[in-house]
PDBML (XML) file of the C-alpha atoms, coordinates in Angstrom:
<?xml version="1.0" encoding="UTF-8" ?>
<PDBx:datablock datablockName="MODEL"
   xmlns:PDBx="http://pdbml.pdb.org/schema/pdbx-v50.xsd"
   xmlns:xsi="http://www.w3.org/2001/XMLSchema-instance"
   xsi:schemaLocation="http://pdbml.pdb.org/schema/pdbx-v50.xsd pdbx-v50.xsd">
   <PDBx:atom_siteCategory>
      <PDBx:atom_site id="1">
         <PDBx:B_iso_or_equiv>0.00</PDBx:B_iso_or_equiv>
         <PDBx:Cartn_x>117.845</PDBx:Cartn_x>
         <PDBx:Cartn_y>86.744</PDBx:Cartn_y>
         <PDBx:Cartn_z>92.479</PDBx:Cartn_z>
         <PDBx:auth_asym_id>A</PDBx:auth_asym_id>
         <PDBx:auth_atom_id>CA</PDBx:auth_atom_id>
         <PDBx:auth_comp_id>GLU</PDBx:auth_comp_id>
         <PDBx:auth_seq_id>1</PDBx:auth_seq_id>
         <PDBx:group_PDB>ATOM</PDBx:group_PDB>
         <PDBx:label_alt_id xsi:nil="true" />
         <PDBx:label_asym_id>A</PDBx:label_asym_id>
         <PDBx:label_atom_id>CA</PDBx:label_atom_id>
         <PDBx:label_comp_id>GLU</PDBx:label_comp_id>
         <PDBx:label_entity_id>1</PDBx:label_entity_id>
         <PDBx:label_seq_id>1</PDBx:label_seq_id>
         <PDBx:occupancy>1.00</PDBx:occupancy>
         <PDBx:pdbx_PDB_model_num>1</PDBx:pdbx_PDB_model_num>
         <PDBx:type_symbol>C</PDBx:type_symbol>
      </PDBx:atom_site>
      <PDBx:atom_site id="2">
         <PDBx:B_iso_or_equiv>0.00</PDBx:B_iso_or_equiv>
         <PDBx:Cartn_x>116.641</PDBx:Cartn_x>
         <PDBx:Cartn_y>90.109</PDBx:Cartn_y>
         <PDBx:Cartn_z>92.842</PDBx:Cartn_z>
         <PDBx:auth_asym_id>A</PDBx:auth_asym_id>
         <PDBx:auth_atom_id>CA</PDBx:auth_atom_id>
         <PDBx:auth_comp_id>LYS</PDBx:auth_comp_id>
         <PDBx:auth_seq_id>2</PDBx:auth_seq_id>
         <PDBx:group_PDB>ATOM</PDBx:group_PDB>
         <PDBx:label_alt_id xsi:nil="true" />
         <PDBx:label_asym_id>A</PDBx:label_asym_id>
         <PDBx:label_atom_id>CA</PDBx:label_atom_id>
         <PDBx:label_comp_id>LYS</PDBx:label_comp_id>
         <PDBx:label_entity_id>1</PDBx:label_entity_id>
         <PDBx:label_seq_id>2</PDBx:label_seq_id>
         <PDBx:occupancy>1.00</PDBx:occupancy>
         <PDBx:pdbx_PDB_model_num>1</PDBx:pdbx_PDB_model_num>
         <PDBx:type_symbol>C</PDBx:type_symbol>
      </PDBx:atom_site>
      <PDBx:atom_site id="3">
         <PDBx:B_iso_or_equiv>0.00</PDBx:B_iso_or_equiv>
         <PDBx:Cartn_x>113.837</PDBx:Cartn_x>
         <PDBx:Cartn_y>88.555</PDBx:Cartn_y>
         <PDBx:Cartn_z>94.981</PDBx:Cartn_z>
         <PDBx:auth_asym_id>A</PDBx:auth_asym_id>
         <PDBx:auth_atom_id>CA</PDBx:auth_atom_id>
         <PDBx:auth_comp_id>ALA</PDBx:auth_comp_id>
         <PDBx:auth_seq_id>3</PDBx:auth_seq_id>
         <PDBx:group_PDB>ATOM</PDBx:group_PDB>
         <PDBx:label_alt_id xsi:nil="true" />
         <PDBx:label_asym_id>A</PDBx:label_asym_id>
         <PDBx:label_atom_id>CA</PDBx:label_atom_id>
         <PDBx:label_comp_id>ALA</PDBx:label_comp_id>
         <PDBx:label_entity_id>1</PDBx:label_entity_id>
         <PDBx:label_seq_id>3</PDBx:label_seq_id>
         <PDBx:occupancy>1.00</PDBx:occupancy>
         <PDBx:pdbx_PDB_model_num>1</PDBx:pdbx_PDB_model_num>
         <PDBx:type_symbol>C</PDBx:type_symbol>
      </PDBx:atom_site>
      <PDBx:atom_site id="4">
         <PDBx:B_iso_or_equiv>0.00</PDBx:B_iso_or_equiv>
         <PDBx:Cartn_x>116.505</PDBx:Cartn_x>
         <PDBx:Cartn_y>86.543</PDBx:Cartn_y>
         <PDBx:Cartn_z>96.851</PDBx:Cartn_z>
         <PDBx:auth_asym_id>A</PDBx:auth_asym_id>
         <PDBx:auth_atom_id>CA</PDBx:auth_atom_id>
         <PDBx:auth_comp_id>ARG</PDBx:auth_comp_id>
         <PDBx:auth_seq_id>4</PDBx:auth_seq_id>
         <PDBx:group_PDB>ATOM</PDBx:group_PDB>
         <PDBx:label_alt_id xsi:nil="true" />
         <PDBx:label_asym_id>A</PDBx:label_asym_id>
         <PDBx:label_atom_id>CA</PDBx:label_atom_id>
         <PDBx:label_comp_id>ARG</PDBx:label_comp_id>
         <PDBx:label_entity_id>1</PDBx:label_entity_id>
         <PDBx:label_seq_id>4</PDBx:label_seq_id>
         <PDBx:occupancy>1.00</PDBx:occupancy>
         <PDBx:pdbx_PDB_model_num>1</PDBx:pdbx_PDB_model_num>
         <PDBx:type_symbol>C</PDBx:type_symbol>
      </PDBx:atom_site>
      <PDBx:atom_site id="5">
         <PDBx:B_iso_or_equiv>0.00</PDBx:B_iso_or_equiv>
         <PDBx:Cartn_x>118.267</PDBx:Cartn_x>
         <PDBx:Cartn_y>89.954</PDBx:Cartn_y>
         <PDBx:Cartn_z>97.602</PDBx:Cartn_z>
         <PDBx:auth_asym_id>A</PDBx:auth_asym_id>
         <PDBx:auth_atom_id>CA</PDBx:auth_atom_id>
         <PDBx:auth_comp_id>ARG</PDBx:auth_comp_id>
         <PDBx:auth_seq_id>5</PDBx:auth_seq_id>
         <PDBx:group_PDB>ATOM</PDBx:group_PDB>
         <PDBx:label_alt_id xsi:nil="true" />
         <PDBx:label_asym_id>A</PDBx:label_asym_id>
         <PDBx:label_atom_id>CA</PDBx:label_atom_id>
         <PDBx:label_comp_id>ARG</PDBx:label_comp_id>
         <PDBx:label_entity_id>1</PDBx:label_entity_id>
         <PDBx:label_seq_id>5</PDBx:label_seq_id>
         <PDBx:occupancy>1.00</PDBx:occupancy>
         <PDBx:pdbx_PDB_model_num>1</PDBx:pdbx_PDB_model_num>
         <PDBx:type_symbol>C</PDBx:type_symbol>
      </PDBx:atom_site>
      <PDBx:atom_site id="6">
         <PDBx:B_iso_or_equiv>0.00</PDBx:B_iso_or_equiv>
         <PDBx:Cartn_x>115.431</PDBx:Cartn_x>
         <PDBx:Cartn_y>92.118</PDBx:Cartn_y>
         <PDBx:Cartn_z>98.313</PDBx:Cartn_z>
         <PDBx:auth_asym_id>A</PDBx:auth_asym_id>
         <PDBx:auth_atom_id>CA</PDBx:auth_atom_id>
         <PDBx:auth_comp_id>LEU</PDBx:auth_comp_id>
         <PDBx:auth_seq_id>6</PDBx:auth_seq_id>
         <PDBx:group_PDB>ATOM</PDBx:group_PDB>
         <PDBx:label_alt_id xsi:nil="true" />
         <PDBx:label_asym_id>A</PDBx:label_asym_id>
         <PDBx:label_atom_id>CA</PDBx:label_atom_id>
         <PDBx:label_comp_id>LEU</PDBx:label_comp_id>
         <PDBx:label_entity_id>1</PDBx:label_entity_id>
         <PDBx:label_seq_id>6</PDBx:label_seq_id>
         <PDBx:occupancy>1.00</PDBx:occupancy>
         <PDBx:pdbx_PDB_model_num>1</PDBx:pdbx_PDB_model_num>
         <PDBx:type_symbol>C</PDBx:type_symbol>
      </PDBx:atom_site>
      <PDBx:atom_site id="7">
         <PDBx:B_iso_or_equiv>0.00</PDBx:B_iso_or_equiv>
         <PDBx:Cartn_x>114.492</PDBx:Cartn_x>
         <PDBx:Cartn_y>89.848</PDBx:Cartn_y>
         <PDBx:Cartn_z>101.414</PDBx:Cartn_z>
         <PDBx:auth_asym_id>A</PDBx:auth_asym_id>
         <PDBx:auth_atom_id>CA</PDBx:auth_atom_id>
         <PDBx:auth_comp_id>ALA</PDBx:auth_comp_id>
         <PDBx:auth_seq_id>7</PDBx:auth_seq_id>
         <PDBx:group_PDB>ATOM</PDBx:group_PDB>
         <PDBx:label_alt_id xsi:nil="true" />
         <PDBx:label_asym_id>A</PDBx:label_asym_id>
         <PDBx:label_atom_id>CA</PDBx:label_atom_id>
         <PDBx:label_comp_id>ALA</PDBx:label_comp_id>
         <PDBx:label_entity_id>1</PDBx:label_entity_id>
         <PDBx:label_seq_id>7</PDBx:label_seq_id>
         <PDBx:occupancy>1.00</PDBx:occupancy>
         <PDBx:pdbx_PDB_model_num>1</PDBx:pdbx_PDB_model_num>
         <PDBx:type_symbol>C</PDBx:type_symbol>
      </PDBx:atom_site>
      <PDBx:atom_site id="8">
         <PDBx:B_iso_or_equiv>0.00</PDBx:B_iso_or_equiv>
         <PDBx:Cartn_x>117.458</PDBx:Cartn_x>
         <PDBx:Cartn_y>89.887</PDBx:Cartn_y>
         <PDBx:Cartn_z>102.636</PDBx:Cartn_z>
         <PDBx:auth_asym_id>A</PDBx:auth_asym_id>
         <PDBx:auth_atom_id>CA</PDBx:auth_atom_id>
         <PDBx:auth_comp_id>GLU</PDBx:auth_comp_id>
         <PDBx:auth_seq_id>8</PDBx:auth_seq_id>
         <PDBx:group_PDB>ATOM</PDBx:group_PDB>
         <PDBx:label_alt_id xsi:nil="true" />
         <PDBx:label_asym_id>A</PDBx:label_asym_id>
         <PDBx:label_atom_id>CA</PDBx:label_atom_id>
         <PDBx:label_comp_id>GLU</PDBx:label_comp_id>
         <PDBx:label_entity_id>1</PDBx:label_entity_id>
         <PDBx:label_seq_id>8</PDBx:label_seq_id>
         <PDBx:occupancy>1.00</PDBx:occupancy>
         <PDBx:pdbx_PDB_model_num>1</PDBx:pdbx_PDB_model_num>
         <PDBx:type_symbol>C</PDBx:type_symbol>
      </PDBx:atom_site>
      <PDBx:atom_site id="9">
         <PDBx:B_iso_or_equiv>0.00</PDBx:B_iso_or_equiv>
         <PDBx:Cartn_x>118.420</PDBx:Cartn_x>
         <PDBx:Cartn_y>93.160</PDBx:Cartn_y>
         <PDBx:Cartn_z>102.739</PDBx:Cartn_z>
         <PDBx:auth_asym_id>A</PDBx:auth_asym_id>
         <PDBx:auth_atom_id>CA</PDBx:auth_atom_id>
         <PDBx:auth_comp_id>THR</PDBx:auth_comp_id>
         <PDBx:auth_seq_id>9</PDBx:auth_seq_id>
         <PDBx:group_PDB>ATOM</PDBx:group_PDB>
         <PDBx:label_alt_id xsi:nil="true" />
         <PDBx:label_asym_id>A</PDBx:label_asym_id>
         <PDBx:label_atom_id>CA</PDBx:label_atom_id>
         <PDBx:label_comp_id>THR</PDBx:label_comp_id>
         <PDBx:label_entity_id>1</PDBx:label_entity_id>
         <PDBx:label_seq_id>9</PDBx:label_seq_id>
         <PDBx:occupancy>1.00</PDBx:occupancy>
         <PDBx:pdbx_PDB_model_num>1</PDBx:pdbx_PDB_model_num>
         <PDBx:type_symbol>C</PDBx:type_symbol>
      </PDBx:atom_site>
      <PDBx:atom_site id="10">
         <PDBx:B_iso_or_equiv>0.00</PDBx:B_iso_or_equiv>
         <PDBx:Cartn_x>114.788</PDBx:Cartn_x>
         <PDBx:Cartn_y>94.842</PDBx:Cartn_y>
         <PDBx:Cartn_z>103.412</PDBx:Cartn_z>
         <PDBx:auth_asym_id>A</PDBx:auth_asym_id>
         <PDBx:auth_atom_id>CA</PDBx:auth_atom_id>
         <PDBx:auth_comp_id>SER</PDBx:auth_comp_id>
         <PDBx:auth_seq_id>10</PDBx:auth_seq_id>
         <PDBx:group_PDB>ATOM</PDBx:group_PDB>
         <PDBx:label_alt_id xsi:nil="true" />
         <PDBx:label_asym_id>A</PDBx:label_asym_id>
         <PDBx:label_atom_id>CA</PDBx:label_atom_id>
         <PDBx:label_comp_id>SER</PDBx:label_comp_id>
         <PDBx:label_entity_id>1</PDBx:label_entity_id>
         <PDBx:label_seq_id>10</PDBx:label_seq_id>
         <PDBx:occupancy>1.00</PDBx:occupancy>
         <PDBx:pdbx_PDB_model_num>1</PDBx:pdbx_PDB_model_num>
         <PDBx:type_symbol>C</PDBx:type_symbol>
      </PDBx:atom_site>
      <PDBx:atom_site id="11">
         <PDBx:B_iso_or_equiv>0.00</PDBx:B_iso_or_equiv>
         <PDBx:Cartn_x>111.996</PDBx:Cartn_x>
         <PDBx:Cartn_y>94.430</PDBx:Cartn_y>
         <PDBx:Cartn_z>106.364</PDBx:Cartn_z>
         <PDBx:auth_asym_id>A</PDBx:auth_asym_id>
         <PDBx:auth_atom_id>CA</PDBx:auth_atom_id>
         <PDBx:auth_comp_id>PRO</PDBx:auth_comp_id>
         <PDBx:auth_seq_id>11</PDBx:auth_seq_id>
         <PDBx:group_PDB>ATOM</PDBx:group_PDB>
         <PDBx:label_alt_id xsi:nil="true" />
         <PDBx:label_asym_id>A</PDBx:label_asym_id>
         <PDBx:label_atom_id>CA</PDBx:label_atom_id>
         <PDBx:label_comp_id>PRO</PDBx:label_comp_id>
         <PDBx:label_entity_id>1</PDBx:label_entity_id>
         <PDBx:label_seq_id>11</PDBx:label_seq_id>
         <PDBx:occupancy>1.00</PDBx:occupancy>
         <PDBx:pdbx_PDB_model_num>1</PDBx:pdbx_PDB_model_num>
         <PDBx:type_symbol>C</PDBx:type_symbol>
      </PDBx:atom_site>
      <PDBx:atom_site id="12">
         <PDBx:B_iso_or_equiv>0.00</PDBx:B_iso_or_equiv>
         <PDBx:Cartn_x>109.586</PDBx:Cartn_x>
         <PDBx:Cartn_y>93.360</PDBx:Cartn_y>
         <PDBx:Cartn_z>103.645</PDBx:Cartn_z>
         <PDBx:auth_asym_id>A</PDBx:auth_asym_id>
         <PDBx:auth_atom_id>CA</PDBx:auth_atom_id>
         <PDBx:auth_comp_id>VAL</PDBx:auth_comp_id>
         <PDBx:auth_seq_id>12</PDBx:auth_seq_id>
         <PDBx:group_PDB>ATOM</PDBx:group_PDB>
         <PDBx:label_alt_id xsi:nil="true" />
         <PDBx:label_asym_id>A</PDBx:label_asym_id>
         <PDBx:label_atom_id>CA</PDBx:label_atom_id>
         <PDBx:label_comp_id>VAL</PDBx:label_comp_id>
         <PDBx:label_entity_id>1</PDBx:label_entity_id>
         <PDBx:label_seq_id>12</PDBx:label_seq_id>
         <PDBx:occupancy>1.00</PDBx:occupancy>
         <PDBx:pdbx_PDB_model_num>1</PDBx:pdbx_PDB_model_num>
         <PDBx:type_symbol>C</PDBx:type_symbol>
      </PDBx:atom_site>
      <PDBx:atom_site id="13">
         <PDBx:B_iso_or_equiv>0.00</PDBx:B_iso_or_equiv>
         <PDBx:Cartn_x>107.796</PDBx:Cartn_x>
         <PDBx:Cartn_y>89.876</PDBx:Cartn_y>
         <PDBx:Cartn_z>105.264</PDBx:Cartn_z>
         <PDBx:auth_asym_id>A</PDBx:auth_asym_id>
         <PDBx:auth_atom_id>CA</PDBx:auth_atom_id>
         <PDBx:auth_comp_id>ASP</PDBx:auth_comp_id>
         <PDBx:auth_seq_id>13</PDBx:auth_seq_id>
         <PDBx:group_PDB>ATOM</PDBx:group_PDB>
         <PDBx:label_alt_id xsi:nil="true" />
         <PDBx:label_asym_id>A</PDBx:label_asym_id>
         <PDBx:label_atom_id>CA</PDBx:label_atom_id>
         <PDBx:label_comp_id>ASP</PDBx:label_comp_id>
         <PDBx:label_entity_id>1</PDBx:label_entity_id>
         <PDBx:label_seq_id>13</PDBx:label_seq_id>
         <PDBx:occupancy>1.00</PDBx:occupancy>
         <PDBx:pdbx_PDB_model_num>1</PDBx:pdbx_PDB_model_num>
         <PDBx:type_symbol>C</PDBx:type_symbol>
      </PDBx:atom_site>
      <PDBx:atom_site id="14">
         <PDBx:B_iso_or_equiv>0.00</PDBx:B_iso_or_equiv>
         <PDBx:Cartn_x>107.778</PDBx:Cartn_x>
         <PDBx:Cartn_y>88.263</PDBx:Cartn_y>
         <PDBx:Cartn_z>101.844</PDBx:Cartn_z>
         <PDBx:auth_asym_id>A</PDBx:auth_asym_id>
         <PDBx:auth_atom_id>CA</PDBx:auth_atom_id>
         <PDBx:auth_comp_id>GLN</PDBx:auth_comp_id>
         <PDBx:auth_seq_id>14</PDBx:auth_seq_id>
         <PDBx:group_PDB>ATOM</PDBx:group_PDB>
         <PDBx:label_alt_id xsi:nil="true" />
         <PDBx:label_asym_id>A</PDBx:label_asym_id>
         <PDBx:label_atom_id>CA</PDBx:label_atom_id>
         <PDBx:label_comp_id>GLN</PDBx:label_comp_id>
         <PDBx:label_entity_id>1</PDBx:label_entity_id>
         <PDBx:label_seq_id>14</PDBx:label_seq_id>
         <PDBx:occupancy>1.00</PDBx:occupancy>
         <PDBx:pdbx_PDB_model_num>1</PDBx:pdbx_PDB_model_num>
         <PDBx:type_symbol>C</PDBx:type_symbol>
      </PDBx:atom_site>
      <PDBx:atom_site id="15">
         <PDBx:B_iso_or_equiv>0.00</PDBx:B_iso_or_equiv>
         <PDBx:Cartn_x>108.809</PDBx:Cartn_x>
         <PDBx:Cartn_y>88.521</PDBx:Cartn_y>
         <PDBx:Cartn_z>97.918</PDBx:Cartn_z>
         <PDBx:auth_asym_id>A</PDBx:auth_asym_id>
         <PDBx:auth_atom_id>CA</PDBx:auth_atom_id>
         <PDBx:auth_comp_id>VAL</PDBx:auth_comp_id>
         <PDBx:auth_seq_id>15</PDBx:auth_seq_id>
         <PDBx:group_PDB>ATOM</PDBx:group_PDB>
         <PDBx:label_alt_id xsi:nil="true" />
         <PDBx:label_asym_id>A</PDBx:label_asym_id>
         <PDBx:label_atom_id>CA</PDBx:label_atom_id>
         <PDBx:label_comp_id>VAL</PDBx:label_comp_id>
         <PDBx:label_entity_id>1</PDBx:label_entity_id>
         <PDBx:label_seq_id>15</PDBx:label_seq_id>
         <PDBx:occupancy>1.00</PDBx:occupancy>
         <PDBx:pdbx_PDB_model_num>1</PDBx:pdbx_PDB_model_num>
         <PDBx:type_symbol>C</PDBx:type_symbol>
      </PDBx:atom_site>
      <PDBx:atom_site id="16">
         <PDBx:B_iso_or_equiv>0.00</PDBx:B_iso_or_equiv>
         <PDBx:Cartn_x>107.566</PDBx:Cartn_x>
         <PDBx:Cartn_y>86.427</PDBx:Cartn_y>
         <PDBx:Cartn_z>95.547</PDBx:Cartn_z>
         <PDBx:auth_asym_id>A</PDBx:auth_asym_id>
         <PDBx:auth_atom_id>CA</PDBx:auth_atom_id>
         <PDBx:auth_comp_id>PHE</PDBx:auth_comp_id>
         <PDBx:auth_seq_id>16</PDBx:auth_seq_id>
         <PDBx:group_PDB>ATOM</PDBx:group_PDB>
         <PDBx:label_alt_id xsi:nil="true" />
         <PDBx:label_asym_id>A</PDBx:label_asym_id>
         <PDBx:label_atom_id>CA</PDBx:label_atom_id>
         <PDBx:label_comp_id>PHE</PDBx:label_comp_id>
         <PDBx:label_entity_id>1</PDBx:label_entity_id>
         <PDBx:label_seq_id>16</PDBx:label_seq_id>
         <PDBx:occupancy>1.00</PDBx:occupancy>
         <PDBx:pdbx_PDB_model_num>1</PDBx:pdbx_PDB_model_num>
         <PDBx:type_symbol>C</PDBx:type_symbol>
      </PDBx:atom_site>
      <PDBx:atom_site id="17">
         <PDBx:B_iso_or_equiv>0.00</PDBx:B_iso_or_equiv>
         <PDBx:Cartn_x>108.936</PDBx:Cartn_x>
         <PDBx:Cartn_y>86.037</PDBx:Cartn_y>
         <PDBx:Cartn_z>92.041</PDBx:Cartn_z>
         <PDBx:auth_asym_id>A</PDBx:auth_asym_id>
         <PDBx:auth_atom_id>CA</PDBx:auth_atom_id>
         <PDBx:auth_comp_id>VAL</PDBx:auth_comp_id>
         <PDBx:auth_seq_id>17</PDBx:auth_seq_id>
         <PDBx:group_PDB>ATOM</PDBx:group_PDB>
         <PDBx:label_alt_id xsi:nil="true" />
         <PDBx:label_asym_id>A</PDBx:label_asym_id>
         <PDBx:label_atom_id>CA</PDBx:label_atom_id>
         <PDBx:label_comp_id>VAL</PDBx:label_comp_id>
         <PDBx:label_entity_id>1</PDBx:label_entity_id>
         <PDBx:label_seq_id>17</PDBx:label_seq_id>
         <PDBx:occupancy>1.00</PDBx:occupancy>
         <PDBx:pdbx_PDB_model_num>1</PDBx:pdbx_PDB_model_num>
         <PDBx:type_symbol>C</PDBx:type_symbol>
      </PDBx:atom_site>
      <PDBx:atom_site id="18">
         <PDBx:B_iso_or_equiv>0.00</PDBx:B_iso_or_equiv>
         <PDBx:Cartn_x>106.352</PDBx:Cartn_x>
         <PDBx:Cartn_y>87.764</PDBx:Cartn_y>
         <PDBx:Cartn_z>89.298</PDBx:Cartn_z>
         <PDBx:auth_asym_id>A</PDBx:auth_asym_id>
         <PDBx:auth_atom_id>CA</PDBx:auth_atom_id>
         <PDBx:auth_comp_id>ASP</PDBx:auth_comp_id>
         <PDBx:auth_seq_id>18</PDBx:auth_seq_id>
         <PDBx:group_PDB>ATOM</PDBx:group_PDB>
         <PDBx:label_alt_id xsi:nil="true" />
         <PDBx:label_asym_id>A</PDBx:label_asym_id>
         <PDBx:label_atom_id>CA</PDBx:label_atom_id>
         <PDBx:label_comp_id>ASP</PDBx:label_comp_id>
         <PDBx:label_entity_id>1</PDBx:label_entity_id>
         <PDBx:label_seq_id>18</PDBx:label_seq_id>
         <PDBx:occupancy>1.00</PDBx:occupancy>
         <PDBx:pdbx_PDB_model_num>1</PDBx:pdbx_PDB_model_num>
         <PDBx:type_symbol>C</PDBx:type_symbol>
      </PDBx:atom_site>
      <PDBx:atom_site id="19">
         <PDBx:B_iso_or_equiv>0.00</PDBx:B_iso_or_equiv>
         <PDBx:Cartn_x>104.613</PDBx:Cartn_x>
         <PDBx:Cartn_y>85.772</PDBx:Cartn_y>
         <PDBx:Cartn_z>87.005</PDBx:Cartn_z>
         <PDBx:auth_asym_id>A</PDBx:auth_asym_id>
         <PDBx:auth_atom_id>CA</PDBx:auth_atom_id>
         <PDBx:auth_comp_id>GLY</PDBx:auth_comp_id>
         <PDBx:auth_seq_id>19</PDBx:auth_seq_id>
         <PDBx:group_PDB>ATOM</PDBx:group_PDB>
         <PDBx:label_alt_id xsi:nil="true" />
         <PDBx:label_asym_id>A</PDBx:label_asym_id>
         <PDBx:label_atom_id>CA</PDBx:label_atom_id>
         <PDBx:label_comp_id>GLY</PDBx:label_comp_id>
         <PDBx:label_entity_id>1</PDBx:label_entity_id>
         <PDBx:label_seq_id>19</PDBx:label_seq_id>
         <PDBx:occupancy>1.00</PDBx:occupancy>
         <PDBx:pdbx_PDB_model_num>1</PDBx:pdbx_PDB_model_num>
         <PDBx:type_symbol>C</PDBx:type_symbol>
      </PDBx:atom_site>
      <PDBx:atom_site id="20">
         <PDBx:B_iso_or_equiv>0.00</PDBx:B_iso_or_equiv>
         <PDBx:Cartn_x>101.095</PDBx:Cartn_x>
         <PDBx:Cartn_y>84.679</PDBx:Cartn_y>
         <PDBx:Cartn_z>85.686</PDBx:Cartn_z>
         <PDBx:auth_asym_id>A</PDBx:auth_asym_id>
         <PDBx:auth_atom_id>CA</PDBx:auth_atom_id>
         <PDBx:auth_comp_id>ASP</PDBx:auth_comp_id>
         <PDBx:auth_seq_id>20</PDBx:auth_seq_id>
         <PDBx:group_PDB>ATOM</PDBx:group_PDB>
         <PDBx:label_alt_id xsi:nil="true" />
         <PDBx:label_asym_id>A</PDBx:label_asym_id>
         <PDBx:label_atom_id>CA</PDBx:label_atom_id>
         <PDBx:label_comp_id>ASP</PDBx:label_comp_id>
         <PDBx:label_entity_id>1</PDBx:label_entity_id>
         <PDBx:label_seq_id>20</PDBx:label_seq_id>
         <PDBx:occupancy>1.00</PDBx:occupancy>
         <PDBx:pdbx_PDB_model_num>1</PDBx:pdbx_PDB_model_num>
         <PDBx:type_symbol>C</PDBx:type_symbol>
      </PDBx:atom_site>
      <PDBx:atom_site id="21">
         <PDBx:B_iso_or_equiv>0.00</PDBx:B_iso_or_equiv>
         <PDBx:Cartn_x>99.963</PDBx:Cartn_x>
         <PDBx:Cartn_y>82.883</PDBx:Cartn_y>
         <PDBx:Cartn_z>88.178</PDBx:Cartn_z>
         <PDBx:auth_asym_id>A</PDBx:auth_asym_id>
         <PDBx:auth_atom_id>CA</PDBx:auth_atom_id>
         <PDBx:auth_comp_id>ASP</PDBx:auth_comp_id>
         <PDBx:auth_seq_id>21</PDBx:auth_seq_id>
         <PDBx:group_PDB>ATOM</PDBx:group_PDB>
         <PDBx:label_alt_id xsi:nil="true" />
         <PDBx:label_asym_id>A</PDBx:label_asym_id>
         <PDBx:label_atom_id>CA</PDBx:label_atom_id>
         <PDBx:label_comp_id>ASP</PDBx:label_comp_id>
         <PDBx:label_entity_id>1</PDBx:label_entity_id>
         <PDBx:label_seq_id>21</PDBx:label_seq_id>
         <PDBx:occupancy>1.00</PDBx:occupancy>
         <PDBx:pdbx_PDB_model_num>1</PDBx:pdbx_PDB_model_num>
         <PDBx:type_symbol>C</PDBx:type_symbol>
      </PDBx:atom_site>
      <PDBx:atom_site id="22">
         <PDBx:B_iso_or_equiv>0.00</PDBx:B_iso_or_equiv>
         <PDBx:Cartn_x>101.008</PDBx:Cartn_x>
         <PDBx:Cartn_y>85.916</PDBx:Cartn_y>
         <PDBx:Cartn_z>90.856</PDBx:Cartn_z>
         <PDBx:auth_asym_id>A</PDBx:auth_asym_id>
         <PDBx:auth_atom_id>CA</PDBx:auth_atom_id>
         <PDBx:auth_comp_id>ILE</PDBx:auth_comp_id>
         <PDBx:auth_seq_id>22</PDBx:auth_seq_id>
         <PDBx:group_PDB>ATOM</PDBx:group_PDB>
         <PDBx:label_alt_id xsi:nil="true" />
         <PDBx:label_asym_id>A</PDBx:label_asym_id>
         <PDBx:label_atom_id>CA</PDBx:label_atom_id>
         <PDBx:label_comp_id>ILE</PDBx:label_comp_id>
         <PDBx:label_entity_id>1</PDBx:label_entity_id>
         <PDBx:label_seq_id>22</PDBx:label_seq_id>
         <PDBx:occupancy>1.00</PDBx:occupancy>
         <PDBx:pdbx_PDB_model_num>1</PDBx:pdbx_PDB_model_num>
         <PDBx:type_symbol>C</PDBx:type_symbol>
      </PDBx:atom_site>
      <PDBx:atom_site id="23">
         <PDBx:B_iso_or_equiv>0.00</PDBx:B_iso_or_equiv>
         <PDBx:Cartn_x>97.457</PDBx:Cartn_x>
         <PDBx:Cartn_y>86.692</PDBx:Cartn_y>
         <PDBx:Cartn_z>92.064</PDBx:Cartn_z>
         <PDBx:auth_asym_id>A</PDBx:auth_asym_id>
         <PDBx:auth_atom_id>CA</PDBx:auth_atom_id>
         <PDBx:auth_comp_id>ALA</PDBx:auth_comp_id>
         <PDBx:auth_seq_id>23</PDBx:auth_seq_id>
         <PDBx:group_PDB>ATOM</PDBx:group_PDB>
         <PDBx:label_alt_id xsi:nil="true" />
         <PDBx:label_asym_id>A</PDBx:label_asym_id>
         <PDBx:label_atom_id>CA</PDBx:label_atom_id>
         <PDBx:label_comp_id>ALA</PDBx:label_comp_id>
         <PDBx:label_entity_id>1</PDBx:label_entity_id>
         <PDBx:label_seq_id>23</PDBx:label_seq_id>
         <PDBx:occupancy>1.00</PDBx:occupancy>
         <PDBx:pdbx_PDB_model_num>1</PDBx:pdbx_PDB_model_num>
         <PDBx:type_symbol>C</PDBx:type_symbol>
      </PDBx:atom_site>
      <PDBx:atom_site id="24">
         <PDBx:B_iso_or_equiv>0.00</PDBx:B_iso_or_equiv>
         <PDBx:Cartn_x>96.930</PDBx:Cartn_x>
         <PDBx:Cartn_y>83.070</PDBx:Cartn_y>
         <PDBx:Cartn_z>92.830</PDBx:Cartn_z>
         <PDBx:auth_asym_id>A</PDBx:auth_asym_id>
         <PDBx:auth_atom_id>CA</PDBx:auth_atom_id>
         <PDBx:auth_comp_id>GLU</PDBx:auth_comp_id>
         <PDBx:auth_seq_id>24</PDBx:auth_seq_id>
         <PDBx:group_PDB>ATOM</PDBx:group_PDB>
         <PDBx:label_alt_id xsi:nil="true" />
         <PDBx:label_asym_id>A</PDBx:label_asym_id>
         <PDBx:label_atom_id>CA</PDBx:label_atom_id>
         <PDBx:label_comp_id>GLU</PDBx:label_comp_id>
         <PDBx:label_entity_id>1</PDBx:label_entity_id>
         <PDBx:label_seq_id>24</PDBx:label_seq_id>
         <PDBx:occupancy>1.00</PDBx:occupancy>
         <PDBx:pdbx_PDB_model_num>1</PDBx:pdbx_PDB_model_num>
         <PDBx:type_symbol>C</PDBx:type_symbol>
      </PDBx:atom_site>
      <PDBx:atom_site id="25">
         <PDBx:B_iso_or_equiv>0.00</PDBx:B_iso_or_equiv>
         <PDBx:Cartn_x>99.994</PDBx:Cartn_x>
         <PDBx:Cartn_y>82.590</PDBx:Cartn_y>
         <PDBx:Cartn_z>94.455</PDBx:Cartn_z>
         <PDBx:auth_asym_id>A</PDBx:auth_asym_id>
         <PDBx:auth_atom_id>CA</PDBx:auth_atom_id>
         <PDBx:auth_comp_id>ARG</PDBx:auth_comp_id>
         <PDBx:auth_seq_id>25</PDBx:auth_seq_id>
         <PDBx:group_PDB>ATOM</PDBx:group_PDB>
         <PDBx:label_alt_id xsi:nil="true" />
         <PDBx:label_asym_id>A</PDBx:label_asym_id>
         <PDBx:label_atom_id>CA</PDBx:label_atom_id>
         <PDBx:label_comp_id>ARG</PDBx:label_comp_id>
         <PDBx:label_entity_id>1</PDBx:label_entity_id>
         <PDBx:label_seq_id>25</PDBx:label_seq_id>
         <PDBx:occupancy>1.00</PDBx:occupancy>
         <PDBx:pdbx_PDB_model_num>1</PDBx:pdbx_PDB_model_num>
         <PDBx:type_symbol>C</PDBx:type_symbol>
      </PDBx:atom_site>
   </PDBx:atom_siteCategory>
</PDBx:datablock>
């Protein structure tokens, strides 16, 4: 839910939900 809000309210290009495979994704 915080990742979605960040994507909506900031100029970031892409937001990922963190997890063990974050580097690979």
